[in-house]
Amino acid sequence: MDGGTEIGWEPHQIALLGGGPPAAVTVALVALHLLGAVENGPRRTLCAAGPEPEGLGPFEGTVLDCLHEPLTARELVRHPDVRLALALTRIPLAEEGLLGRPWLRPTRSARRRVEFWRERHPLPAVRHGLTDEDTLLAVALHGDAALRLLLPRFALRTGLTAPGAPADGVRFSLGRGGFLRWRDAYEDSVSGDWGGASHGDHAGGCGSGGGGGGGPPLGGRAALGSPGSEGVRPSGA
């Protein structure tokens, strides 16, 4: 799904700048949910559902490939293919000077830019009338607050938001608690240790088989392409 075109970056890239790898995965899962491409199952797992949507971007496509077996959102962030896709996503951001060395964390300029985007695109007051692109941009910029307003059931049932009262400020629950701290998530995913339905807020249920055997092997969609690219889809896919 293409979104955030007015800003110039895809929603998952904006989320990566504002909340790190867990935020980028959160936005990708929301995009797949809006397309009816994933459903939630027991124990906060997700899995691929139905035929693959047309025009899926490389990052969302990699996430979907990984969901041919049931996984939780937190397991997705650790998945080798997703970590590779995250590393590739950073390339154009680093080339724009939005990620600094040595760990490719957001620069001061990036943080200011994200804050400017948040002010220009405030959290919607209601979800009625929003397009999918509006929803993705809201989640990318406002995290849990947008998820609780726009997709409360999906977010809670998949562990994208935590139960209880919302915290102050912009927050992505997927990156908190027992999971990696935001800075650690950046360092871990660039370390090089990659080892081997409807558009509403619907609920689903992963089948016991998890949607078939695993997706393409490491390096399928996330195979390195030309420098600065986010990934290359296998030919004929």
Protein backbone atom coordinates (compact mmCIF):
# COMPACT_ATOMS: atom_id res chain seq x y z
CA MET A 1 0.00 0.00 0.00
CA ASP A 2 1.28 3.43 -0.90
CA GLY A 3 0.75 6.07 1.73
CA GLY A 4 2.37 9.17 3.09
CA THR A 5 3.03 10.40 -0.45
CA GLU A 6 2.52 14.03 0.58
CA ILE A 7 5.33 13.55 3.11
CA GLY A 8 7.53 11.67 0.67
CA TRP A 9 8.05 8.50 2.69
CA GLU A 10 6.01 5.35 3.13
CA PRO A 11 4.18 4.98 6.48
CA HIS A 12 6.46 2.17 7.67
CA GLN A 13 9.51 4.37 6.97
CA ILE A 14 7.99 7.22 8.98
CA ALA A 15 7.25 4.78 11.79
CA LEU A 16 10.83 3.50 11.67
CA LEU A 17 12.10 7.04 12.22
CA GLY A 18 9.64 7.76 15.00
CA GLY A 19 9.50 4.48 16.89
CA GLY A 20 12.14 2.07 15.60
CA PRO A 21 11.74 -1.42 14.10
CA PRO A 22 8.70 -2.44 16.22
CA ALA A 23 6.85 0.62 14.97
CA ALA A 24 7.63 -0.22 11.33
CA VAL A 25 6.35 -3.78 11.79
CA THR A 26 3.23 -2.44 13.53
CA VAL A 27 2.42 -0.26 10.52
CA ALA A 28 3.07 -3.10 8.09
CA LEU A 29 0.66 -5.35 10.00
CA VAL A 30 -2.00 -2.65 9.99
CA ALA A 31 -1.54 -2.25 6.22
CA LEU A 32 -1.99 -6.00 5.71
CA HIS A 33 -5.02 -6.02 8.03
CA LEU A 34 -6.69 -3.23 6.06
CA LEU A 35 -6.14 -5.25 2.89
CA GLY A 36 -7.67 -8.36 4.48
CA ALA A 37 -4.37 -10.19 3.99
CA VAL A 38 -3.89 -11.31 7.62
CA GLU A 39 -6.09 -12.67 10.36
CA ASN A 40 -5.48 -13.06 14.05
CA GLY A 41 -5.51 -16.37 15.87
CA PRO A 42 -5.03 -17.70 19.40
CA ARG A 43 -2.38 -16.33 21.73
CA ARG A 44 -2.02 -13.09 19.77
CA THR A 45 -0.71 -14.82 16.67
CA LEU A 46 -1.27 -13.65 13.11
CA CYS A 47 -1.19 -15.53 9.84
CA ALA A 48 -1.67 -14.89 6.14
CA ALA A 49 -5.24 -15.08 4.88
CA GLY A 50 -6.54 -15.45 1.34
CA PRO A 51 -4.76 -14.49 -1.87
CA GLU A 52 -1.95 -11.97 -1.72
CA PRO A 53 -3.11 -8.43 -2.53
CA GLU A 54 -1.79 -6.86 -5.71
CA GLY A 55 0.72 -4.05 -5.55
CA LEU A 56 2.11 -4.99 -2.16
CA GLY A 57 5.33 -3.18 -1.30
CA PRO A 58 8.54 -5.10 -0.53
CA PHE A 59 8.46 -4.50 3.23
CA GLU A 60 4.81 -5.45 3.71
CA GLY A 61 5.35 -8.37 1.33
CA THR A 62 8.21 -9.70 3.43
CA VAL A 63 6.08 -9.47 6.58
CA LEU A 64 3.26 -11.33 4.82
CA ASP A 65 5.62 -14.04 3.59
CA CYS A 66 6.70 -14.68 7.17
CA LEU A 67 3.07 -15.15 8.21
CA HIS A 68 2.56 -18.32 6.24
CA GLU A 69 3.04 -19.83 9.67
CA PRO A 70 1.41 -18.28 12.75
CA LEU A 71 3.65 -15.79 14.53
CA THR A 72 3.16 -13.08 17.10
CA ALA A 73 4.03 -9.49 16.24
CA ARG A 74 7.02 -9.66 18.56
CA GLU A 75 8.28 -12.81 16.85
CA LEU A 76 7.96 -11.02 13.51
CA VAL A 77 10.32 -8.25 14.59
CA ARG A 78 12.91 -10.95 15.39
CA HIS A 79 12.39 -12.89 12.16
CA PRO A 80 15.55 -12.94 10.00
CA ASP A 81 13.71 -11.91 6.83
CA VAL A 82 12.05 -8.98 8.57
CA ARG A 83 15.36 -7.87 10.07
CA LEU A 84 16.92 -7.91 6.62
CA ALA A 85 13.99 -5.95 5.19
CA LEU A 86 14.39 -3.40 7.99
CA ALA A 87 18.07 -3.02 7.17
CA LEU A 88 17.21 -2.41 3.51
CA THR A 89 14.51 0.08 4.50
CA ARG A 90 17.15 2.15 6.30
CA ILE A 91 19.29 2.65 3.19
CA PRO A 92 17.35 5.54 1.60
CA LEU A 93 16.72 7.09 5.02
CA ALA A 94 20.44 7.03 5.79
CA GLU A 95 21.23 8.49 2.38
CA GLU A 96 18.93 11.40 3.23
CA GLY A 97 20.84 11.99 6.46
CA LEU A 98 17.93 10.89 8.64
CA LEU A 99 19.84 8.03 10.26
CA GLY A 100 23.24 8.57 11.84
CA ARG A 101 26.19 6.31 12.50
CA PRO A 102 27.28 4.03 13.98
CA TRP A 103 23.92 2.38 14.73
CA LEU A 104 21.75 4.13 12.15
CA ARG A 105 19.57 5.78 14.78
CA PRO A 106 17.37 8.77 13.88
CA THR A 107 19.27 12.03 13.73
CA ARG A 108 18.13 15.25 15.37
CA SER A 109 16.92 16.38 11.95
CA ALA A 110 14.84 13.21 11.61
CA ARG A 111 13.26 13.67 15.02
CA ARG A 112 12.37 17.26 14.21
CA ARG A 113 10.89 16.23 10.89
CA VAL A 114 8.73 13.54 12.48
CA GLU A 115 7.51 16.02 15.10
CA PHE A 116 6.65 18.48 12.31
CA TRP A 117 4.66 15.77 10.52
CA ARG A 118 2.79 14.96 13.74
CA GLU A 119 1.80 18.60 14.15
CA ARG A 120 0.72 18.84 10.52
CA HIS A 121 -1.22 15.57 10.69
CA PRO A 122 -2.81 15.47 14.18
CA LEU A 123 -4.59 12.41 15.51
CA PRO A 124 -8.07 12.25 13.93
CA ALA A 125 -10.97 12.93 16.26
CA VAL A 126 -13.03 10.05 14.79
CA ARG A 127 -12.36 7.15 12.47
CA HIS A 128 -15.40 7.69 10.25
CA GLY A 129 -14.51 8.77 6.73
CA LEU A 130 -10.80 7.97 6.91
CA THR A 131 -9.12 6.26 3.99
CA ASP A 132 -6.71 3.38 4.52
CA GLU A 133 -3.86 5.77 3.73
CA ASP A 134 -5.14 8.17 6.41
CA THR A 135 -5.24 5.31 8.91
CA LEU A 136 -1.71 4.14 8.13
CA LEU A 137 -0.28 7.64 8.41
CA ALA A 138 -2.07 8.19 11.73
CA VAL A 139 -0.64 4.95 13.14
CA ALA A 140 2.85 5.75 11.84
CA LEU A 141 2.82 9.17 13.49
CA HIS A 142 0.77 8.59 16.65
CA GLY A 143 1.31 4.93 17.55
CA ASP A 144 -0.88 3.42 20.25
CA ALA A 145 -3.20 6.42 20.40
CA ALA A 146 -4.16 5.90 16.76
CA LEU A 147 -4.47 2.14 17.17
CA ARG A 148 -6.81 2.52 20.15
CA LEU A 149 -9.00 4.95 18.23
CA LEU A 150 -9.01 3.41 14.76
CA LEU A 151 -8.39 -0.34 15.19
CA PRO A 152 -8.96 -1.13 18.88
CA ARG A 153 -9.98 -4.79 18.62
CA PHE A 154 -7.35 -5.81 16.08
CA ALA A 155 -4.60 -4.00 17.99
CA LEU A 156 -5.51 -5.51 21.34
CA ARG A 157 -6.03 -9.06 20.05
CA THR A 158 -2.70 -9.08 18.24
CA GLY A 159 -0.66 -7.48 21.02
CA LEU A 160 -0.01 -4.23 19.14
CA THR A 161 -1.44 -2.34 22.10
CA ALA A 162 -1.32 -3.27 25.77
CA PRO A 163 -4.40 -3.51 28.02
CA GLY A 164 -5.06 -0.72 30.46
CA ALA A 165 -5.00 3.04 30.33
CA PRO A 166 -3.03 4.61 27.48
CA ALA A 167 0.29 6.21 28.33
CA ASP A 168 1.05 9.87 27.70
CA GLY A 169 2.96 10.83 24.57
CA VAL A 170 3.61 8.83 21.40
CA ARG A 171 4.12 5.17 22.18
CA PHE A 172 4.27 1.84 20.36
CA SER A 173 3.44 -0.96 22.80
CA LEU A 174 5.12 -3.55 20.59
CA GLY A 175 8.50 -2.03 21.47
CA ARG A 176 7.93 -1.93 25.24
CA GLY A 177 7.61 -4.27 28.19
CA GLY A 178 9.49 -7.55 27.91
CA PHE A 179 10.57 -6.80 24.37
CA LEU A 180 13.64 -4.90 23.18
CA ARG A 181 14.14 -1.31 24.14
CA TRP A 182 13.86 1.01 21.13
CA ARG A 183 17.60 1.67 20.94
CA ASP A 184 18.43 -2.00 21.39
CA ALA A 185 16.01 -2.91 18.61
CA TYR A 186 17.93 -0.65 16.24
CA GLU A 187 21.28 -2.10 17.23
CA ASP A 188 20.06 -5.68 17.10
CA SER A 189 18.52 -5.40 13.66
CA VAL A 190 21.61 -3.86 12.06
CA SER A 191 24.09 -6.17 13.73
CA GLY A 192 24.28 -8.45 10.69
CA ASP A 193 23.31 -11.56 12.73
CA TRP A 194 20.49 -12.60 10.47
CA GLY A 195 20.89 -16.37 10.85
CA GLY A 196 19.28 -18.62 9.13
CA ALA A 197 -11.30 -9.89 4.50
CA SER A 198 -12.91 -6.59 5.06
CA HIS A 199 -11.26 -3.26 5.70
CA GLY A 200 -12.90 -2.85 9.09
CA ASP A 201 -11.58 -3.74 12.53
CA HIS A 202 -12.47 -7.39 12.09
CA ALA A 203 -11.39 -10.46 13.98
CA GLY A 204 -10.28 -13.67 12.31
CA GLY A 205 -8.77 -16.95 13.35
CA CYS A 206 -5.62 -18.60 12.03
CA GLY A 207 -6.16 -22.17 11.00
CA SER A 208 -4.30 -24.90 12.84
CA GLY A 209 -2.10 -25.41 9.81
CA GLY A 210 -0.95 -21.81 9.86
CA GLY A 211 -1.73 -21.18 6.19
CA GLY A 212 0.66 -23.70 4.73
CA GLY A 213 4.39 -24.23 4.79
CA GLY A 214 6.72 -21.34 5.43
CA GLY A 215 7.15 -18.53 2.96
CA PRO A 216 10.08 -17.97 0.69
CA PRO A 217 13.51 -18.61 2.17
CA LEU A 218 15.63 -15.83 3.58
CA GLY A 219 16.45 -13.36 0.86
CA GLY A 220 13.26 -14.02 -1.18
CA ARG A 221 11.48 -10.64 -1.29
CA ALA A 222 14.18 -9.05 0.81
CA ALA A 223 16.96 -10.00 -1.58
CA LEU A 224 19.46 -7.21 -2.02
CA GLY A 225 18.81 -5.16 -5.09
CA SER A 226 20.46 -2.02 -6.34
CA PRO A 227 21.91 0.31 -3.69
CA GLY A 228 19.19 2.35 -2.03
CA SER A 229 16.43 -0.08 -2.92
CA GLU A 230 14.17 -1.52 -0.27
CA GLY A 231 14.20 -4.99 -1.69
CA VAL A 232 13.48 -6.82 -4.91
CA ARG A 233 10.60 -9.15 -5.52
CA PRO A 234 11.54 -12.44 -7.13
CA SER A 235 10.76 -12.43 -10.84
CA GLY A 236 7.36 -13.84 -11.66
CA ALA A 237 6.08 -13.31 -8.11
